C-alpha atoms as a PDB file:
ATOM      1  CA  UNK A   1     110.651 106.230 129.476  1.00  0.00           C
ATOM      2  CA  UNK A   2     110.632 108.112 125.945  1.00  0.00           C
ATOM      3  CA  UNK A   3     107.739 106.625 123.277  1.00  0.00           C
ATOM      4  CA  UNK A   4     110.548 104.549 121.744  1.00  0.00           C
ATOM      5  CA  UNK A   5     110.730 102.421 124.648  1.00  0.00           C
ATOM      6  CA  UNK A   6     107.008 101.319 124.584  1.00  0.00           C
ATOM      7  CA  UNK A   7     106.191  97.680 123.868  1.00  0.00           C
ATOM      8  CA  UNK A   8     106.629  97.378 119.921  1.00  0.00           C
ATOM      9  CA  UNK A   9     103.325  95.506 119.860  1.00  0.00           C
ATOM     10  CA  UNK A  10     101.641  98.846 121.607  1.00  0.00           C
ATOM     11  CA  UNK A  11     103.373 100.540 119.076  1.00  0.00           C
ATOM     12  CA  UNK A  12     102.327  98.623 116.662  1.00  0.00           C
ATOM     13  CA  UNK A  13      99.023  98.738 117.290  1.00  0.00           C
ATOM     14  CA  UNK A  14      99.124 102.310 117.432  1.00  0.00           C
ATOM     15  CA  UNK A  15     100.176 102.223 113.849  1.00  0.00           C
ATOM     16  CA  UNK A  16      97.527 100.053 112.935  1.00  0.00           C
ATOM     17  CA  UNK A  17      95.418 102.989 114.173  1.00  0.00           C
ATOM     18  CA  UNK A  18      96.572 105.545 112.596  1.00  0.00           C
ATOM     19  CA  UNK A  19      96.924 103.849 109.097  1.00  0.00           C
ATOM     20  CA  UNK A  20      93.310 103.096 109.244  1.00  0.00           C
ATOM     21  CA  UNK A  21      92.195 106.527 108.430  1.00  0.00           C
ATOM     22  CA  UNK A  22      91.364 105.863 104.422  1.00  0.00           C
ATOM     23  CA  UNK A  23      91.509 109.841 103.867  1.00  0.00           C
ATOM     24  CA  UNK A  24      94.921 110.471 104.994  1.00  0.00           C
ATOM     25  CA  UNK A  25      97.743 110.771 102.277  1.00  0.00           C
ATOM     26  CA  UNK A  26     101.128 109.949 103.744  1.00  0.00           C
ATOM     27  CA  UNK A  27     104.177 110.469 101.487  1.00  0.00           C
ATOM     28  CA  UNK A  28     107.148 107.785 101.661  1.00  0.00           C
ATOM     29  CA  UNK A  29     110.497 108.023 101.877  1.00  0.00           C
ATOM     30  CA  UNK A  30     111.126 107.432  97.871  1.00  0.00           C
ATOM     31  CA  UNK A  31     108.775 110.223  97.651  1.00  0.00           C
ATOM     32  CA  UNK A  32     105.774 107.903  96.051  1.00  0.00           C
ATOM     33  CA  UNK A  33     102.489 109.254  97.603  1.00  0.00           C
ATOM     34  CA  UNK A  34     100.319 106.530  99.023  1.00  0.00           C
ATOM     35  CA  UNK A  35      96.653 105.958 101.219  1.00  0.00           C
ATOM     36  CA  UNK A  36      96.032 103.292 103.061  1.00  0.00           C
ATOM     37  CA  UNK A  37      92.447 101.681 101.688  1.00  0.00           C
ATOM     38  CA  UNK A  38      92.744  98.881 104.204  1.00  0.00           C
ATOM     39  CA  UNK A  39      95.197  97.989 107.034  1.00  0.00           C
ATOM     40  CA  UNK A  40      94.599  93.872 106.560  1.00  0.00           C
ATOM     41  CA  UNK A  41      94.495  91.687 109.255  1.00  0.00           C
ATOM     42  CA  UNK A  42      97.077  91.906 112.356  1.00  0.00           C
ATOM     43  CA  UNK A  43      99.301  88.830 111.895  1.00  0.00           C
ATOM     44  CA  UNK A  44      99.861  86.909 115.139  1.00  0.00           C
ATOM     45  CA  UNK A  45     102.088  84.099 113.951  1.00  0.00           C
ATOM     46  CA  UNK A  46     105.237  84.054 112.225  1.00  0.00           C
ATOM     47  CA  UNK A  47     105.896  86.368 109.119  1.00  0.00           C
ATOM     48  CA  UNK A  48     104.795  89.899 108.488  1.00  0.00           C
ATOM     49  CA  UNK A  49     102.893  91.786 110.813  1.00  0.00           C
ATOM     50  CA  UNK A  50      99.891  92.552 109.037  1.00  0.00           C
ATOM     51  CA  UNK A  51      98.496  90.697 105.600  1.00  0.00           C
ATOM     52  CA  UNK A  52      96.518  91.770 102.913  1.00  0.00           C
ATOM     53  CA  UNK A  53      97.008  95.366 103.147  1.00  0.00           C
ATOM     54  CA  UNK A  54      95.404  97.680 100.245  1.00  0.00           C
ATOM     55  CA  UNK A  55      97.442 100.496  99.194  1.00  0.00           C
ATOM     56  CA  UNK A  56      96.688 102.946  96.826  1.00  0.00           C
ATOM     57  CA  UNK A  57      99.792 104.763  94.801  1.00  0.00           C
ATOM     58  CA  UNK A  58      99.413 106.545  91.493  1.00  0.00           C
ATOM     59  CA  UNK A  59      95.611 104.858  90.422  1.00  0.00           C
ATOM     60  CA  UNK A  60      96.470 101.656  91.481  1.00  0.00           C
ATOM     61  CA  UNK A  61      95.469  99.465  94.384  1.00  0.00           C
ATOM     62  CA  UNK A  62      98.249  97.065  95.562  1.00  0.00           C
ATOM     63  CA  UNK A  63      97.304  94.760  97.834  1.00  0.00           C
ATOM     64  CA  UNK A  64      99.918  92.553  99.895  1.00  0.00           C
ATOM     65  CA  UNK A  65     101.979  92.634 103.501  1.00  0.00           C
ATOM     66  CA  UNK A  66     103.332  94.963 105.950  1.00  0.00           C
ATOM     67  CA  UNK A  67     106.215  95.040 108.710  1.00  0.00           C
ATOM     68  CA  UNK A  68     105.970  96.888 111.330  1.00  0.00           C
ATOM     69  CA  UNK A  69     109.649  97.942 113.204  1.00  0.00           C
ATOM     70  CA  UNK A  70     110.301 101.024 115.483  1.00  0.00           C
ATOM     71  CA  UNK A  71     113.809 101.363 113.929  1.00  0.00           C
ATOM     72  CA  UNK A  72     114.134 100.377 110.076  1.00  0.00           C
ATOM     73  CA  UNK A  73     117.602  98.891 110.683  1.00  0.00           C
ATOM     74  CA  UNK A  74     115.786  96.099 112.357  1.00  0.00           C
ATOM     75  CA  UNK A  75     114.710  94.800 108.865  1.00  0.00           C
ATOM     76  CA  UNK A  76     118.261  93.578 109.065  1.00  0.00           C
ATOM     77  CA  UNK A  77     118.634  92.634 112.555  1.00  0.00           C
ATOM     78  CA  UNK A  78     115.858  89.757 112.275  1.00  0.00           C
ATOM     79  CA  UNK A  79     117.181  88.727 109.080  1.00  0.00           C
ATOM     80  CA  UNK A  80     114.117  89.626 106.654  1.00  0.00           C
ATOM     81  CA  UNK A  81     116.695  90.305 103.471  1.00  0.00           C
ATOM     82  CA  UNK A  82     117.013  86.343 103.332  1.00  0.00           C
ATOM     83  CA  UNK A  83     113.583  84.856 104.581  1.00  0.00           C
ATOM     84  CA  UNK A  84     111.088  84.401 101.614  1.00  0.00           C
ATOM     85  CA  UNK A  85     107.677  85.117 104.112  1.00  0.00           C
ATOM     86  CA  UNK A  86     109.007  88.843 103.369  1.00  0.00           C
ATOM     87  CA  UNK A  87     109.550  88.887  99.521  1.00  0.00           C
ATOM     88  CA  UNK A  88     106.058  90.275  99.379  1.00  0.00           C
ATOM     89  CA  UNK A  89     106.358  92.676 101.797  1.00  0.00           C
ATOM     90  CA  UNK A  90     104.771  96.049 100.151  1.00  0.00           C
ATOM     91  CA  UNK A  91     105.059  98.378 102.735  1.00  0.00           C
ATOM     92  CA  UNK A  92     107.916  98.709 105.893  1.00  0.00           C
ATOM     93  CA  UNK A  93     106.105 100.870 108.557  1.00  0.00           C
ATOM     94  CA  UNK A  94     109.011 102.192 110.740  1.00  0.00           C
ATOM     95  CA  UNK A  95     109.071 105.196 113.357  1.00  0.00           C
ATOM     96  CA  UNK A  96     112.982 106.039 112.961  1.00  0.00           C
ATOM     97  CA  UNK A  97     114.515 105.497 109.691  1.00  0.00           C
ATOM     98  CA  UNK A  98     117.959 104.462 110.539  1.00  0.00           C
ATOM     99  CA  UNK A  99     118.632 102.118 107.374  1.00  0.00           C
ATOM    100  CA  UNK A 100     117.288 101.978 103.796  1.00  0.00           C
ATOM    101  CA  UNK A 101     114.951  98.914 103.093  1.00  0.00           C
ATOM    102  CA  UNK A 102     115.923  98.280  99.689  1.00  0.00           C
ATOM    103  CA  UNK A 103     114.158  94.831  99.061  1.00  0.00           C
ATOM    104  CA  UNK A 104     110.793  96.893 100.355  1.00  0.00           C
ATOM    105  CA  UNK A 105     108.763  98.903  97.400  1.00  0.00           C
ATOM    106  CA  UNK A 106     107.764 101.270 100.147  1.00  0.00           C
ATOM    107  CA  UNK A 107     109.003 102.844 103.837  1.00  0.00           C
ATOM    108  CA  UNK A 108     106.924 104.995 105.599  1.00  0.00           C
ATOM    109  CA  UNK A 109     107.941 106.692 108.727  1.00  0.00           C
ATOM    110  CA  UNK A 110     105.447 107.376 110.776  1.00  0.00           C
ATOM    111  CA  UNK A 111     105.162 110.935 112.834  1.00  0.00           C
ATOM    112  CA  UNK A 112     105.709 110.232 116.742  1.00  0.00           C
ATOM    113  CA  UNK A 113     103.419 112.788 117.403  1.00  0.00           C
ATOM    114  CA  UNK A 114     100.653 110.945 115.655  1.00  0.00           C
ATOM    115  CA  UNK A 115     101.744 107.870 117.268  1.00  0.00           C
ATOM    116  CA  UNK A 116     101.552 109.322 121.140  1.00  0.00           C
ATOM    117  CA  UNK A 117      98.136 110.377 120.030  1.00  0.00           C
ATOM    118  CA  UNK A 118      97.251 107.017 118.610  1.00  0.00           C
ATOM    119  CA  UNK A 119      98.299 105.462 122.067  1.00  0.00           C
ATOM    120  CA  UNK A 120      96.495 108.517 124.236  1.00  0.00           C
ATOM    121  CA  UNK A 121      92.732 107.408 122.714  1.00  0.00           C
ATOM    122  CA  UNK A 122      93.419 103.873 122.584  1.00  0.00           C
ATOM    123  CA  UNK A 123      90.344 103.453 124.920  1.00  0.00           C
ATOM    124  CA  UNK A 124      88.677 105.642 122.598  1.00  0.00           C
ATOM    125  CA  UNK A 125      85.917 104.722 120.000  1.00  0.00           C
ATOM    126  CA  UNK A 126      88.413 104.030 117.493  1.00  0.00           C
ATOM    127  CA  UNK A 127      90.055 100.924 119.496  1.00  0.00           C
ATOM    128  CA  UNK A 128      89.229  98.026 116.942  1.00  0.00           C
ATOM    129  CA  UNK A 129      89.679  94.691 116.724  1.00  0.00           C
ATOM    130  CA  UNK A 130      91.845  94.054 113.622  1.00  0.00           C
ATOM    131  CA  UNK A 131      89.790  91.836 112.224  1.00  0.00           C
ATOM    132  CA  UNK A 132      86.777  94.152 112.552  1.00  0.00           C
ATOM    133  CA  UNK A 133      88.557  96.763 110.715  1.00  0.00           C
ATOM    134  CA  UNK A 134      89.263  94.787 107.778  1.00  0.00           C
ATOM    135  CA  UNK A 135      86.142  93.104 107.430  1.00  0.00           C
ATOM    136  CA  UNK A 136      84.240  97.047 107.582  1.00  0.00           C
ATOM    137  CA  UNK A 137      86.533  98.585 105.341  1.00  0.00           C
ATOM    138  CA  UNK A 138      86.073  95.356 102.976  1.00  0.00           C
ATOM    139  CA  UNK A 139      82.077  95.443 102.970  1.00  0.00           C
ATOM    140  CA  UNK A 140      82.533  99.541 102.334  1.00  0.00           C
ATOM    141  CA  UNK A 141      84.358  98.255  99.336  1.00  0.00           C
ATOM    142  CA  UNK A 142      81.635  95.506  98.573  1.00  0.00           C
ATOM    143  CA  UNK A 143      79.079  97.868  98.861  1.00  0.00           C
ATOM    144  CA  UNK A 144      80.583 100.517  96.349  1.00  0.00           C
ATOM    145  CA  UNK A 145      81.384  97.726  93.688  1.00  0.00           C
ATOM    146  CA  UNK A 146      77.999  96.085  93.682  1.00  0.00           C
ATOM    147  CA  UNK A 147      76.465  99.417  93.562  1.00  0.00           C
ATOM    148  CA  UNK A 148      78.865 100.702  90.906  1.00  0.00           C
ATOM    149  CA  UNK A 149      77.922  97.443  88.940  1.00  0.00           C
ATOM    150  CA  UNK A 150      74.303  98.090  88.688  1.00  0.00           C
ATOM    151  CA  UNK A 151      74.696 101.311  87.576  1.00  0.00           C
ATOM    152  CA  UNK A 152      77.124 100.052  84.650  1.00  0.00           C
ATOM    153  CA  UNK A 153      74.210  97.804  84.155  1.00  0.00           C
ATOM    154  CA  UNK A 154      71.179 100.244  84.096  1.00  0.00           C
ATOM    155  CA  UNK A 155      73.465 102.481  81.468  1.00  0.00           C
ATOM    156  CA  UNK A 156      73.922  99.251  79.388  1.00  0.00           C
ATOM    157  CA  UNK A 157      70.248  99.011  79.104  1.00  0.00           C
ATOM    158  CA  UNK A 158      68.454 102.498  79.203  1.00  0.00           C
ATOM    159  CA  UNK A 159      71.336 104.824  79.195  1.00  0.00           C
ATOM    160  CA  UNK A 160      72.885 107.174  81.525  1.00  0.00           C
ATOM    161  CA  UNK A 161      69.610 109.786  81.786  1.00  0.00           C
ATOM    162  CA  UNK A 162      67.548 106.998  82.529  1.00  0.00           C
ATOM    163  CA  UNK A 163      69.571 104.784  84.769  1.00  0.00           C
ATOM    164  CA  UNK A 164      70.012 107.825  86.812  1.00  0.00           C
ATOM    165  CA  UNK A 165      66.276 108.008  87.389  1.00  0.00           C
ATOM    166  CA  UNK A 166      66.400 104.010  87.727  1.00  0.00           C
ATOM    167  CA  UNK A 167      69.004 104.165  90.579  1.00  0.00           C
ATOM    168  CA  UNK A 168      66.827 106.866  92.674  1.00  0.00           C
ATOM    169  CA  UNK A 169      63.711 104.928  92.336  1.00  0.00           C
ATOM    170  CA  UNK A 170      65.762 101.387  93.051  1.00  0.00           C
ATOM    171  CA  UNK A 171      67.389 103.810  96.114  1.00  0.00           C
ATOM    172  CA  UNK A 172      63.936 105.060  97.655  1.00  0.00           C
ATOM    173  CA  UNK A 173      62.189 101.784  97.081  1.00  0.00           C
ATOM    174  CA  UNK A 174      64.479 100.455  99.426  1.00  0.00           C
ATOM    175  CA  UNK A 175      65.067 102.627 102.153  1.00  0.00           C
ATOM    176  CA  UNK A 176      61.226 103.196 101.713  1.00  0.00           C
ATOM    177  CA  UNK A 177      60.599  99.452 102.767  1.00  0.00           C
ATOM    178  CA  UNK A 178      63.544  99.706 105.682  1.00  0.00           C
ATOM    179  CA  UNK A 179      62.079 102.874 107.613  1.00  0.00           C
ATOM    180  CA  UNK A 180      59.103 102.524 109.769  1.00  0.00           C
ATOM    181  CA  UNK A 181      57.298 106.304 108.501  1.00  0.00           C
ATOM    182  CA  UNK A 182      58.703 106.222 104.678  1.00  0.00           C
ATOM    183  CA  UNK A 183      59.181 109.459 102.915  1.00  0.00           C
ATOM    184  CA  UNK A 184      55.999 111.567 101.376  1.00  0.00           C
ATOM    185  CA  UNK A 185      55.482 109.987  97.818  1.00  0.00           C
ATOM    186  CA  UNK A 186      55.812 113.541  96.144  1.00  0.00           C
ATOM    187  CA  UNK A 187      59.673 114.595  97.227  1.00  0.00           C
ATOM    188  CA  UNK A 188      60.617 111.430  96.171  1.00  0.00           C
ATOM    189  CA  UNK A 189      58.727 111.815  92.715  1.00  0.00           C
ATOM    190  CA  UNK A 190      59.679 115.285  92.787  1.00  0.00           C
ATOM    191  CA  UNK A 191      63.568 114.290  93.358  1.00  0.00           C
ATOM    192  CA  UNK A 192      63.517 111.316  91.299  1.00  0.00           C
ATOM    193  CA  UNK A 193      62.116 114.040  87.928  1.00  0.00           C
ATOM    194  CA  UNK A 194      64.646 116.904  88.877  1.00  0.00           C
ATOM    195  CA  UNK A 195      67.489 114.859  89.429  1.00  0.00           C
ATOM    196  CA  UNK A 196      69.015 114.995  86.169  1.00  0.00           C
ATOM    197  CA  UNK A 197      69.090 118.772  85.971  1.00  0.00           C
ATOM    198  CA  UNK A 198      70.310 119.561  89.225  1.00  0.00           C
ATOM    199  CA  UNK A 199      74.111 119.772  89.803  1.00  0.00           C
ATOM    200  CA  UNK A 200      74.760 116.624  91.206  1.00  0.00           C
ATOM    201  CA  UNK A 201      72.748 115.319  88.299  1.00  0.00           C
ATOM    202  CA  UNK A 202      74.497 117.222  86.098  1.00  0.00           C
ATOM    203  CA  UNK A 203      78.216 116.606  87.414  1.00  0.00           C
ATOM    204  CA  UNK A 204      77.477 111.984  87.138  1.00  0.00           C
ATOM    205  CA  UNK A 205      76.012 112.935  83.557  1.00  0.00           C
ATOM    206  CA  UNK A 206      79.135 114.754  82.278  1.00  0.00           C
ATOM    207  CA  UNK A 207      82.000 112.801  84.285  1.00  0.00           C
ATOM    208  CA  UNK A 208      83.735 111.511  81.606  1.00  0.00           C
ATOM    209  CA  UNK A 209      84.437 115.043  80.843  1.00  0.00           C
ATOM    210  CA  UNK A 210      85.696 116.363  84.296  1.00  0.00           C
ATOM    211  CA  UNK A 211      89.478 116.196  84.722  1.00  0.00           C
ATOM    212  CA  UNK A 212      90.427 113.934  87.622  1.00  0.00           C
ATOM    213  CA  UNK A 213      92.478 117.033  89.655  1.00  0.00           C
ATOM    214  CA  UNK A 214      88.998 118.973  89.341  1.00  0.00           C
ATOM    215  CA  UNK A 215      86.675 115.724  90.468  1.00  0.00           C
ATOM    216  CA  UNK A 216      86.727 116.583  94.020  1.00  0.00           C
ATOM    217  CA  UNK A 217      86.359 120.317  94.169  1.00  0.00           C
ATOM    218  CA  UNK A 218      83.189 119.806  91.544  1.00  0.00           C
ATOM    219  CA  UNK A 219      81.854 116.834  94.164  1.00  0.00           C
ATOM    220  CA  UNK A 220      82.112 119.395  96.376  1.00  0.00           C
ATOM    221  CA  UNK A 221      80.385 122.159  94.836  1.00  0.00           C
ATOM    222  CA  UNK A 222      77.221 120.265  93.459  1.00  0.00           C
ATOM    223  CA  UNK A 223      76.516 118.960  96.682  1.00  0.00           C
ATOM    224  CA  UNK A 224      75.645 122.317  98.260  1.00  0.00           C
ATOM    225  CA  UNK A 225      73.241 123.023  95.522  1.00  0.00           C
ATOM    226  CA  UNK A 226      69.493 121.773  96.744  1.00  0.00           C
ATOM    227  CA  UNK A 227      67.654 119.033  94.272  1.00  0.00           C
ATOM    228  CA  UNK A 228      64.436 120.566  95.603  1.00  0.00           C
ATOM    229  CA  UNK A 229      63.849 121.183  99.030  1.00  0.00           C
ATOM    230  CA  UNK A 230      65.835 118.361 100.622  1.00  0.00           C
ATOM    231  CA  UNK A 231      68.209 118.543 103.782  1.00  0.00           C
ATOM    232  CA  UNK A 232      71.840 118.806 103.340  1.00  0.00           C
ATOM    233  CA  UNK A 233      72.044 115.146 105.131  1.00  0.00           C
ATOM    234  CA  UNK A 234      69.206 113.179 102.882  1.00  0.00           C
ATOM    235  CA  UNK A 235      71.652 115.207  99.448  1.00  0.00           C
ATOM    236  CA  UNK A 236      74.585 113.401 101.063  1.00  0.00           C
ATOM    237  CA  UNK A 237      72.975 110.333 100.695  1.00  0.00           C
ATOM    238  CA  UNK A 238      71.735 110.355  97.608  1.00  0.00           C
ATOM    239  CA  UNK A 239      75.524 111.182  96.179  1.00  0.00           C
ATOM    240  CA  UNK A 240      76.889 108.074  98.429  1.00  0.00           C
ATOM    241  CA  UNK A 241      74.190 105.459  97.237  1.00  0.00           C
ATOM    242  CA  UNK A 242      73.266 107.017  93.377  1.00  0.00           C
ATOM    243  CA  UNK A 243      75.343 109.772  92.169  1.00  0.00           C
ATOM    244  CA  UNK A 244      78.953 108.173  93.284  1.00  0.00           C
ATOM    245  CA  UNK A 245      77.914 104.591  91.209  1.00  0.00           C
ATOM    246  CA  UNK A 246      76.972 106.290  88.100  1.00  0.00           C
ATOM    247  CA  UNK A 247      79.702 108.219  87.991  1.00  0.00           C
ATOM    248  CA  UNK A 248      81.899 104.810  88.746  1.00  0.00           C
ATOM    249  CA  UNK A 249      80.037 103.215  85.967  1.00  0.00           C
ATOM    250  CA  UNK A 250      80.699 106.288  83.815  1.00  0.00           C
ATOM    251  CA  UNK A 251      84.396 107.207  84.573  1.00  0.00           C
ATOM    252  CA  UNK A 252      87.293 106.305  83.221  1.00  0.00           C
ATOM    253  CA  UNK A 253      90.322 104.868  85.405  1.00  0.00           C
ATOM    254  CA  UNK A 254      91.903 107.861  86.598  1.00  0.00           C
ATOM    255  CA  UNK A 255      89.000 109.498  87.134  1.00  0.00           C
ATOM    256  CA  UNK A 256      87.497 106.274  89.489  1.00  0.00           C
ATOM    257  CA  UNK A 257      90.772 106.861  91.836  1.00  0.00           C
ATOM    258  CA  UNK A 258      90.023 110.320  92.294  1.00  0.00           C
ATOM    259  CA  UNK A 259      86.103 108.940  93.450  1.00  0.00           C
ATOM    260  CA  UNK A 260      87.387 106.446  95.245  1.00  0.00           C
ATOM    261  CA  UNK A 261      89.470 108.684  97.319  1.00  0.00           C
ATOM    262  CA  UNK A 262      86.456 110.736  97.681  1.00  0.00           C
ATOM    263  CA  UNK A 263      84.496 107.778  99.226  1.00  0.00           C
ATOM    264  CA  UNK A 264      87.303 106.954 102.039  1.00  0.00           C
ATOM    265  CA  UNK A 265      87.879 110.919 102.890  1.00  0.00           C
ATOM    266  CA  UNK A 266      84.549 112.033 103.374  1.00  0.00           C
ATOM    267  CA  UNK A 267      83.092 112.855 106.203  1.00  0.00           C
ATOM    268  CA  UNK A 268      79.231 111.353 107.219  1.00  0.00           C
ATOM    269  CA  UNK A 269      77.092 114.138 107.913  1.00  0.00           C
ATOM    270  CA  UNK A 270      75.309 112.517 110.869  1.00  0.00           C
ATOM    271  CA  UNK A 271      75.793 109.305 113.127  1.00  0.00           C
ATOM    272  CA  UNK A 272      73.072 106.128 112.371  1.00  0.00           C
ATOM    273  CA  UNK A 273      71.417 105.057 115.668  1.00  0.00           C
ATOM    274  CA  UNK A 274      70.873 101.590 114.375  1.00  0.00           C
ATOM    275  CA  UNK A 275      74.896 101.353 113.862  1.00  0.00           C
ATOM    276  CA  UNK A 276      75.415 102.779 117.217  1.00  0.00           C
ATOM    277  CA  UNK A 277      73.098 100.394 118.542  1.00  0.00           C
ATOM    278  CA  UNK A 278      74.391  97.223 116.395  1.00  0.00           C
ATOM    279  CA  UNK A 279      78.146  98.452 116.751  1.00  0.00           C
ATOM    280  CA  UNK A 280      78.708 101.001 120.041  1.00  0.00           C
ATOM    281  CA  UNK A 281      82.813 100.474 119.434  1.00  0.00           C
ATOM    282  CA  UNK A 282      83.094 101.575 115.938  1.00  0.00           C
ATOM    283  CA  UNK A 283      83.830 105.027 114.739  1.00  0.00           C
ATOM    284  CA  UNK A 284      80.987 107.012 112.151  1.00  0.00           C
ATOM    285  CA  UNK A 285      83.208 109.725 111.902  1.00  0.00           C
ATOM    286  CA  UNK A 286      83.056 108.993 107.645  1.00  0.00           C
ATOM    287  CA  UNK A 287      80.998 107.686 105.084  1.00  0.00           C
ATOM    288  CA  UNK A 288      82.675 104.448 104.361  1.00  0.00           C
ATOM    289  CA  UNK A 289      82.281 103.521 107.985  1.00  0.00           C
ATOM    290  CA  UNK A 290      79.030 104.074 107.905  1.00  0.00           C
ATOM    291  CA  UNK A 291      78.534 102.113 104.310  1.00  0.00           C
ATOM    292  CA  UNK A 292      80.768  99.497 105.375  1.00  0.00           C
ATOM    293  CA  UNK A 293      78.374  98.510 108.474  1.00  0.00           C
ATOM    294  CA  UNK A 294      75.735  99.060 106.757  1.00  0.00           C
ATOM    295  CA  UNK A 295      76.680  96.050 103.949  1.00  0.00           C
ATOM    296  CA  UNK A 296      77.908  94.040 106.712  1.00  0.00           C
ATOM    297  CA  UNK A 297      74.512  94.205 108.152  1.00  0.00           C
ATOM    298  CA  UNK A 298      73.381  93.378 104.712  1.00  0.00           C
ATOM    299  CA  UNK A 299      75.497  90.338 104.343  1.00  0.00           C
ATOM    300  CA  UNK A 300      74.972  88.806 107.887  1.00  0.00           C
ATOM    301  CA  UNK A 301      72.416  90.938 109.564  1.00  0.00           C
END
């Protein structure tokens, strides 16, 4: 039996797992590059297979439905072109592109090798319930939006440099209230006083002058340098919770798109024991996964 002879529902779920990697860029049949920020919800009823999928293209996030077929020609065999329920389908996900789907904005042909690997790992840590994937991704986005709004408010009140210190103090205060063994106050105060002059602080305060195409490299370079004597794990936490929100607050739309790409694609430095205990089946490969689970705990306990 070939891969294409497997049940469509199995292939559909493998496609969902494959597309759940928000850091991966895909090229559609029309040449457009897209990222799947959220695969949305798997629809068990009549109509498109996935609802509320979030697709990033050319700096704009599009939210809509998606349909999966083994062969693209199935779109016509099933009569979708005359069914109004499929009028707002953004993305047609297929394994074999044997007929163009002119009524759909994007058609994405998934590599069969990747689908096969996704099927083989279906019992591993990436085997999510579809609503769980959507909820974690939504929570990760909400967490960044909330932190950015706080940063923007601080900048409006006290200016960028003082806002950076406000954000630093606020995050360390929250961290100390949750930890059984708080960080030494001397370390916290030293970071607070030194962060504006550190490479990551300078990058955040000057993000408006950095061309979008250079932001990812600038972030990678700045994060390598210590603020004082902290380790890489703490510095990554500072970047995610302080520097990134401030960058988003000070950046323009094109720069925010790149910052969002970093958020969805950067890998976590280490796993959180708390999250393993509360979400034993969830993966912690990427920062957004950890942030989404932390935000979910914040909302629902």
